[in-house]
PDB file of N, CA and C in Angstrom:
ATOM      1  N   MET A   1      -2.968  22.723   2.799  1.00  0.00           N
ATOM      2  CA  MET A   1      -3.980  22.352   3.793  1.00  0.00           C
ATOM      3  C   MET A   1      -4.689  23.582   4.218  1.00  0.00           C
ATOM      4  N   PHE A   2      -5.967  23.520   4.300  1.00  0.00           N
ATOM      5  CA  PHE A   2      -6.748  24.660   4.802  1.00  0.00           C
ATOM      6  C   PHE A   2      -7.925  24.244   5.625  1.00  0.00           C
ATOM      7  N   ASP A   3      -8.389  25.103   6.534  1.00  0.00           N
ATOM      8  CA  ASP A   3      -9.529  24.825   7.362  1.00  0.00           C
ATOM      9  C   ASP A   3     -10.744  25.053   6.479  1.00  0.00           C
ATOM     10  N   SER A   4     -11.533  23.970   6.279  1.00  0.00           N
ATOM     11  CA  SER A   4     -12.707  24.013   5.407  1.00  0.00           C
ATOM     12  C   SER A   4     -13.773  25.047   5.945  1.00  0.00           C
ATOM     13  N   SER A   5     -13.763  25.355   7.187  1.00  0.00           N
ATOM     14  CA  SER A   5     -14.742  26.255   7.662  1.00  0.00           C
ATOM     15  C   SER A   5     -14.504  27.716   7.419  1.00  0.00           C
ATOM     16  N   ASN A   6     -13.145  28.071   7.223  1.00  0.00           N
ATOM     17  CA  ASN A   6     -12.853  29.478   7.061  1.00  0.00           C
ATOM     18  C   ASN A   6     -11.844  29.771   5.909  1.00  0.00           C
ATOM     19  N   GLY A   7     -11.284  28.672   5.303  1.00  0.00           N
ATOM     20  CA  GLY A   7     -10.415  28.929   4.184  1.00  0.00           C
ATOM     21  C   GLY A   7      -8.966  29.214   4.584  1.00  0.00           C
ATOM     22  N   ARG A   8      -8.659  29.295   5.864  1.00  0.00           N
ATOM     23  CA  ARG A   8      -7.316  29.685   6.307  1.00  0.00           C
ATOM     24  C   ARG A   8      -6.372  28.481   6.265  1.00  0.00           C
ATOM     25  N   GLY A   9      -5.098  28.778   5.895  1.00  0.00           N
ATOM     26  CA  GLY A   9      -4.142  27.710   5.873  1.00  0.00           C
ATOM     27  C   GLY A   9      -3.827  27.123   7.318  1.00  0.00           C
ATOM     28  N   LEU A  10      -3.477  25.875   7.365  1.00  0.00           N
ATOM     29  CA  LEU A  10      -3.152  25.224   8.640  1.00  0.00           C
ATOM     30  C   LEU A  10      -1.679  24.956   8.675  1.00  0.00           C
ATOM     31  N   GLU A  11      -1.046  25.530   9.695  1.00  0.00           N
ATOM     32  CA  GLU A  11       0.410  25.539   9.881  1.00  0.00           C
ATOM     33  C   GLU A  11       0.822  24.355  10.732  1.00  0.00           C
ATOM     34  N   ASN A  12       2.052  23.922  10.548  1.00  0.00           N
ATOM     35  CA  ASN A  12       2.718  22.901  11.360  1.00  0.00           C
ATOM     36  C   ASN A  12       2.088  21.524  11.366  1.00  0.00           C
ATOM     37  N   LEU A  13       1.529  21.114  10.215  1.00  0.00           N
ATOM     38  CA  LEU A  13       1.067  19.743  10.042  1.00  0.00           C
ATOM     39  C   LEU A  13       2.143  18.960   9.355  1.00  0.00           C
ATOM     40  N   GLU A  14       2.237  17.740   9.699  1.00  0.00           N
ATOM     41  CA  GLU A  14       3.306  16.847   9.035  1.00  0.00           C
ATOM     42  C   GLU A  14       2.619  16.161   7.868  1.00  0.00           C
ATOM     43  N   VAL A  15       3.386  16.174   6.748  1.00  0.00           N
ATOM     44  CA  VAL A  15       2.850  15.546   5.554  1.00  0.00           C
ATOM     45  C   VAL A  15       3.906  14.519   5.147  1.00  0.00           C
ATOM     46  N   ARG A  16       3.444  13.299   4.903  1.00  0.00           N
ATOM     47  CA  ARG A  16       4.289  12.185   4.566  1.00  0.00           C
ATOM     48  C   ARG A  16       3.831  11.538   3.251  1.00  0.00           C
ATOM     49  N   ILE A  17       4.770  11.332   2.278  1.00  0.00           N
ATOM     50  CA  ILE A  17       4.380  10.551   1.134  1.00  0.00           C
ATOM     51  C   ILE A  17       5.184   9.271   1.159  1.00  0.00           C
ATOM     52  N   THR A  18       4.514   8.170   0.956  1.00  0.00           N
ATOM     53  CA  THR A  18       5.168   6.825   0.948  1.00  0.00           C
ATOM     54  C   THR A  18       4.849   6.204  -0.373  1.00  0.00           C
ATOM     55  N   PRO A  19       5.968   5.814  -1.119  1.00  0.00           N
ATOM     56  CA  PRO A  19       5.786   5.196  -2.390  1.00  0.00           C
ATOM     57  C   PRO A  19       5.478   3.718  -2.186  1.00  0.00           C
ATOM     58  N   PRO A  20       5.093   2.987  -3.237  1.00  0.00           N
ATOM     59  CA  PRO A  20       4.945   1.536  -3.117  1.00  0.00           C
ATOM     60  C   PRO A  20       6.205   0.921  -2.744  1.00  0.00           C
ATOM     61  N   SER A  21       6.133  -0.210  -2.009  1.00  0.00           N
ATOM     62  CA  SER A  21       7.370  -0.849  -1.634  1.00  0.00           C
ATOM     63  C   SER A  21       8.315  -1.318  -2.788  1.00  0.00           C
ATOM     64  N   ASN A  22       7.726  -1.599  -3.909  1.00  0.00           N
ATOM     65  CA  ASN A  22       8.546  -2.071  -5.080  1.00  0.00           C
ATOM     66  C   ASN A  22       9.070  -0.896  -5.873  1.00  0.00           C
ATOM     67  N   ALA A  23       8.808   0.368  -5.505  1.00  0.00           N
ATOM     68  CA  ALA A  23       9.287   1.507  -6.314  1.00  0.00           C
ATOM     69  C   ALA A  23      10.674   1.862  -5.989  1.00  0.00           C
ATOM     70  N   ASN A  24      11.284   1.441  -4.928  1.00  0.00           N
ATOM     71  CA  ASN A  24      12.653   1.827  -4.552  1.00  0.00           C
ATOM     72  C   ASN A  24      12.829   3.269  -4.450  1.00  0.00           C
ATOM     73  N   LEU A  25      11.842   3.977  -3.847  1.00  0.00           N
ATOM     74  CA  LEU A  25      11.930   5.390  -3.602  1.00  0.00           C
ATOM     75  C   LEU A  25      11.745   5.633  -2.075  1.00  0.00           C
ATOM     76  N   PRO A  26      12.332   6.755  -1.625  1.00  0.00           N
ATOM     77  CA  PRO A  26      12.245   6.996  -0.169  1.00  0.00           C
ATOM     78  C   PRO A  26      10.889   7.553   0.296  1.00  0.00           C
ATOM     79  N   VAL A  27      10.563   7.387   1.547  1.00  0.00           N
ATOM     80  CA  VAL A  27       9.505   8.058   2.214  1.00  0.00           C
ATOM     81  C   VAL A  27       9.960   9.508   2.388  1.00  0.00           C
ATOM     82  N   ARG A  28       9.083  10.427   2.042  1.00  0.00           N
ATOM     83  CA  ARG A  28       9.473  11.882   2.232  1.00  0.00           C
ATOM     84  C   ARG A  28       8.563  12.550   3.196  1.00  0.00           C
ATOM     85  N   LEU A  29       9.179  13.525   3.985  1.00  0.00           N
ATOM     86  CA  LEU A  29       8.379  14.231   4.964  1.00  0.00           C
ATOM     87  C   LEU A  29       8.449  15.709   4.747  1.00  0.00           C
ATOM     88  N   ALA A  30       7.448  16.471   5.074  1.00  0.00           N
ATOM     89  CA  ALA A  30       7.456  17.914   4.980  1.00  0.00           C
ATOM     90  C   ALA A  30       6.479  18.446   6.035  1.00  0.00           C
ATOM     91  N   ASN A  31       6.585  19.749   6.386  1.00  0.00           N
ATOM     92  CA  ASN A  31       5.612  20.392   7.272  1.00  0.00           C
ATOM     93  C   ASN A  31       4.964  21.512   6.554  1.00  0.00           C
ATOM     94  N   THR A  32       3.688  21.768   6.913  1.00  0.00           N
ATOM     95  CA  THR A  32       3.027  22.860   6.247  1.00  0.00           C
ATOM     96  C   THR A  32       3.528  24.232   6.842  1.00  0.00           C
ATOM     97  N   ASP A  33       3.529  25.214   6.005  1.00  0.00           N
ATOM     98  CA  ASP A  33       3.944  26.590   6.386  1.00  0.00           C
ATOM     99  C   ASP A  33       2.738  27.339   6.880  1.00  0.00           C
ATOM    100  N   GLN A  34       2.893  28.628   7.169  1.00  0.00           N
ATOM    101  CA  GLN A  34       1.819  29.426   7.741  1.00  0.00           C
ATOM    102  C   GLN A  34       0.659  29.534   6.814  1.00  0.00           C
ATOM    103  N   ASN A  35       0.760  29.276   5.565  1.00  0.00           N
ATOM    104  CA  ASN A  35      -0.363  29.295   4.594  1.00  0.00           C
ATOM    105  C   ASN A  35      -0.894  27.930   4.329  1.00  0.00           C
ATOM    106  N   GLY A  36      -0.348  26.896   5.054  1.00  0.00           N
ATOM    107  CA  GLY A  36      -0.854  25.553   4.838  1.00  0.00           C
ATOM    108  C   GLY A  36      -0.237  24.870   3.650  1.00  0.00           C
ATOM    109  N   ALA A  37       0.826  25.444   3.020  1.00  0.00           N
ATOM    110  CA  ALA A  37       1.491  24.926   1.903  1.00  0.00           C
ATOM    111  C   ALA A  37       2.617  23.982   2.294  1.00  0.00           C
ATOM    112  N   PHE A  38       2.861  22.981   1.463  1.00  0.00           N
ATOM    113  CA  PHE A  38       3.944  22.128   1.615  1.00  0.00           C
ATOM    114  C   PHE A  38       4.551  21.715   0.318  1.00  0.00           C
ATOM    115  N   ARG A  39       5.805  21.370   0.223  1.00  0.00           N
ATOM    116  CA  ARG A  39       6.465  21.006  -1.041  1.00  0.00           C
ATOM    117  C   ARG A  39       7.324  19.770  -0.852  1.00  0.00           C
ATOM    118  N   PHE A  40       7.423  18.917  -1.874  1.00  0.00           N
ATOM    119  CA  PHE A  40       8.340  17.862  -1.947  1.00  0.00           C
ATOM    120  C   PHE A  40       9.108  18.060  -3.251  1.00  0.00           C
ATOM    121  N   PRO A  41      10.298  18.653  -3.131  1.00  0.00           N
ATOM    122  CA  PRO A  41      11.093  18.896  -4.383  1.00  0.00           C
ATOM    123  C   PRO A  41      11.527  17.623  -5.032  1.00  0.00           C
ATOM    124  N   GLN A  42      11.528  17.629  -6.355  1.00  0.00           N
ATOM    125  CA  GLN A  42      12.005  16.540  -7.169  1.00  0.00           C
ATOM    126  C   GLN A  42      11.323  15.201  -6.940  1.00  0.00           C
ATOM    127  N   VAL A  43      10.021  15.231  -6.830  1.00  0.00           N
ATOM    128  CA  VAL A  43       9.215  14.036  -6.652  1.00  0.00           C
ATOM    129  C   VAL A  43       9.163  13.354  -8.039  1.00  0.00           C
ATOM    130  N   ARG A  44       9.488  12.065  -8.052  1.00  0.00           N
ATOM    131  CA  ARG A  44       9.418  11.299  -9.272  1.00  0.00           C
ATOM    132  C   ARG A  44       7.925  10.821  -9.514  1.00  0.00           C
ATOM    133  N   LEU A  45       7.571  10.715 -10.735  1.00  0.00           N
ATOM    134  CA  LEU A  45       6.261  10.271 -11.118  1.00  0.00           C
ATOM    135  C   LEU A  45       6.078   8.887 -10.551  1.00  0.00           C
ATOM    136  N   SER A  46       5.032   8.762  -9.647  1.00  0.00           N
ATOM    137  CA  SER A  46       4.694   7.473  -9.062  1.00  0.00           C
ATOM    138  C   SER A  46       3.347   7.592  -8.319  1.00  0.00           C
ATOM    139  N   ARG A  47       2.935   6.446  -7.802  1.00  0.00           N
ATOM    140  CA  ARG A  47       1.776   6.505  -6.942  1.00  0.00           C
ATOM    141  C   ARG A  47       2.272   6.552  -5.488  1.00  0.00           C
ATOM    142  N   TYR A  48       1.718   7.337  -4.638  1.00  0.00           N
ATOM    143  CA  TYR A  48       2.148   7.522  -3.207  1.00  0.00           C
ATOM    144  C   TYR A  48       0.929   7.466  -2.344  1.00  0.00           C
ATOM    145  N   MET A  49       1.168   7.077  -1.066  1.00  0.00           N
ATOM    146  CA  MET A  49       0.165   7.216  -0.050  1.00  0.00           C
ATOM    147  C   MET A  49       0.547   8.526   0.654  1.00  0.00           C
ATOM    148  N   LEU A  50      -0.384   9.475   0.689  1.00  0.00           N
ATOM    149  CA  LEU A  50      -0.109  10.832   1.300  1.00  0.00           C
ATOM    150  C   LEU A  50      -0.894  10.768   2.649  1.00  0.00           C
ATOM    151  N   GLU A  51      -0.142  11.125   3.731  1.00  0.00           N
ATOM    152  CA  GLU A  51      -0.764  11.189   5.039  1.00  0.00           C
ATOM    153  C   GLU A  51      -0.450  12.522   5.729  1.00  0.00           C
ATOM    154  N   VAL A  52      -1.454  13.068   6.366  1.00  0.00           N
ATOM    155  CA  VAL A  52      -1.288  14.334   7.103  1.00  0.00           C
ATOM    156  C   VAL A  52      -1.589  13.992   8.527  1.00  0.00           C
ATOM    157  N   SER A  53      -0.712  14.462   9.381  1.00  0.00           N
ATOM    158  CA  SER A  53      -0.902  14.265  10.828  1.00  0.00           C
ATOM    159  C   SER A  53      -0.489  15.531  11.640  1.00  0.00           C
ATOM    160  N   GLN A  54      -1.067  15.579  12.801  1.00  0.00           N
ATOM    161  CA  GLN A  54      -0.742  16.590  13.810  1.00  0.00           C
ATOM    162  C   GLN A  54      -0.350  15.867  15.056  1.00  0.00           C
ATOM    163  N   GLY A  55       0.936  15.805  15.324  1.00  0.00           N
ATOM    164  CA  GLY A  55       1.413  14.972  16.477  1.00  0.00           C
ATOM    165  C   GLY A  55       1.087  13.497  16.126  1.00  0.00           C
ATOM    166  N   PRO A  56       0.538  12.776  17.112  1.00  0.00           N
ATOM    167  CA  PRO A  56       0.260  11.338  16.816  1.00  0.00           C
ATOM    168  C   PRO A  56      -1.103  11.109  16.100  1.00  0.00           C
ATOM    169  N   ASN A  57      -1.849  12.190  15.840  1.00  0.00           N
ATOM    170  CA  ASN A  57      -3.191  12.091  15.244  1.00  0.00           C
ATOM    171  C   ASN A  57      -3.122  12.140  13.652  1.00  0.00           C
ATOM    172  N   LEU A  58      -3.584  11.037  13.084  1.00  0.00           N
ATOM    173  CA  LEU A  58      -3.710  11.041  11.593  1.00  0.00           C
ATOM    174  C   LEU A  58      -4.980  11.808  11.273  1.00  0.00           C
ATOM    175  N   LEU A  59      -4.827  12.834  10.409  1.00  0.00           N
ATOM    176  CA  LEU A  59      -5.931  13.742  10.021  1.00  0.00           C
ATOM    177  C   LEU A  59      -6.474  13.413   8.613  1.00  0.00           C
ATOM    178  N   TYR A  60      -5.575  12.847   7.698  1.00  0.00           N
ATOM    179  CA  TYR A  60      -6.001  12.653   6.346  1.00  0.00           C
ATOM    180  C   TYR A  60      -5.132  11.673   5.663  1.00  0.00           C
ATOM    181  N   ARG A  61      -5.672  10.836   4.835  1.00  0.00           N
ATOM    182  CA  ARG A  61      -4.955   9.805   4.115  1.00  0.00           C
ATOM    183  C   ARG A  61      -5.548   9.599   2.773  1.00  0.00           C
ATOM    184  N   VAL A  62      -4.766   9.644   1.702  1.00  0.00           N
ATOM    185  CA  VAL A  62      -5.250   9.396   0.342  1.00  0.00           C
ATOM    186  C   VAL A  62      -4.139   8.837  -0.486  1.00  0.00           C
ATOM    187  N   GLN A  63      -4.478   8.055  -1.436  1.00  0.00           N
ATOM    188  CA  GLN A  63      -3.592   7.565  -2.451  1.00  0.00           C
ATOM    189  C   GLN A  63      -3.596   8.492  -3.630  1.00  0.00           C
ATOM    190  N   ILE A  64      -2.353   8.953  -4.104  1.00  0.00           N
ATOM    191  CA  ILE A  64      -2.272   9.939  -5.212  1.00  0.00           C
ATOM    192  C   ILE A  64      -1.318   9.497  -6.211  1.00  0.00           C
ATOM    193  N   ASP A  65      -1.513   9.913  -7.436  1.00  0.00           N
ATOM    194  CA  ASP A  65      -0.512   9.714  -8.514  1.00  0.00           C
ATOM    195  C   ASP A  65       0.150  11.104  -8.579  1.00  0.00           C
ATOM    196  N   ALA A  66       1.464  11.191  -8.255  1.00  0.00           N
ATOM    197  CA  ALA A  66       2.073  12.477  -8.126  1.00  0.00           C
ATOM    198  C   ALA A  66       3.363  12.472  -8.962  1.00  0.00           C
ATOM    199  N   GLY A  67       3.727  13.707  -9.375  1.00  0.00           N
ATOM    200  CA  GLY A  67       4.945  13.964  -9.995  1.00  0.00           C
ATOM    201  C   GLY A  67       5.415  15.392  -9.697  1.00  0.00           C
ATOM    202  N   PRO A  68       6.451  15.960 -10.439  1.00  0.00           N
ATOM    203  CA  PRO A  68       7.026  17.261 -10.087  1.00  0.00           C
ATOM    204  C   PRO A  68       5.976  18.407 -10.111  1.00  0.00           C
ATOM    205  N   GLN A  69       4.914  18.370 -10.897  1.00  0.00           N
ATOM    206  CA  GLN A  69       4.012  19.490 -11.031  1.00  0.00           C
ATOM    207  C   GLN A  69       2.695  19.244 -10.342  1.00  0.00           C
ATOM    208  N   THR A  70       2.529  18.247  -9.536  1.00  0.00           N
ATOM    209  CA  THR A  70       1.262  17.893  -8.881  1.00  0.00           C
ATOM    210  C   THR A  70       0.885  18.946  -7.802  1.00  0.00           C
ATOM    211  N   ARG A  71      -0.301  19.428  -7.830  1.00  0.00           N
ATOM    212  CA  ARG A  71      -0.816  20.333  -6.835  1.00  0.00           C
ATOM    213  C   ARG A  71      -2.064  19.755  -6.233  1.00  0.00           C
ATOM    214  N   LEU A  72      -2.163  19.817  -4.864  1.00  0.00           N
ATOM    215  CA  LEU A  72      -3.285  19.298  -4.124  1.00  0.00           C
ATOM    216  C   LEU A  72      -3.789  20.394  -3.244  1.00  0.00           C
ATOM    217  N   ASP A  73      -5.117  20.599  -3.175  1.00  0.00           N
ATOM    218  CA  ASP A  73      -5.750  21.367  -2.185  1.00  0.00           C
ATOM    219  C   ASP A  73      -6.564  20.447  -1.316  1.00  0.00           C
ATOM    220  N   ILE A  74      -6.187  20.462   0.039  1.00  0.00           N
ATOM    221  CA  ILE A  74      -6.784  19.509   0.991  1.00  0.00           C
ATOM    222  C   ILE A  74      -7.433  20.202   2.066  1.00  0.00           C
ATOM    223  N   PRO A  75      -8.833  20.277   2.007  1.00  0.00           N
ATOM    224  CA  PRO A  75      -9.586  20.805   3.102  1.00  0.00           C
ATOM    225  C   PRO A  75      -9.700  19.909   4.296  1.00  0.00           C
ATOM    226  N   LEU A  76      -9.496  20.440   5.491  1.00  0.00           N
ATOM    227  CA  LEU A  76      -9.604  19.651   6.722  1.00  0.00           C
ATOM    228  C   LEU A  76     -10.624  20.406   7.633  1.00  0.00           C
ATOM    229  N   GLN A  77     -11.290  19.622   8.476  1.00  0.00           N
ATOM    230  CA  GLN A  77     -12.306  20.179   9.439  1.00  0.00           C
ATOM    231  C   GLN A  77     -11.665  20.118  10.818  1.00  0.00           C
ATOM    232  N   LYS A  78     -11.783  21.205  11.617  1.00  0.00           N
ATOM    233  CA  LYS A  78     -11.324  21.101  12.956  1.00  0.00           C
ATOM    234  C   LYS A  78     -12.321  20.313  13.666  1.00  0.00           C
ATOM    235  N   ARG A  79     -11.710  19.572  14.737  1.00  0.00           N
ATOM    236  CA  ARG A  79     -12.608  18.695  15.565  1.00  0.00           C
ATOM    237  C   ARG A  79     -12.818  19.294  16.914  1.00  0.00           C
TER     238      ARG A  79
END
């Protein structure tokens, strides 16, 4: 995650990936580090709903096809 206005990483955002209900996989949570990076170790190849929030505020939502080597760069705008 990074601030689209200056390219700096955004820290302490919650990232959640939710698999389809029929996938029998758990919902996974992570937080961004000081560089805006996050990781989900050992993610199985599947389609997930990825959501980024700060406290109760949903900042970003997208459906992704993800696996162990998937990398995402997500620009966010400050409000």
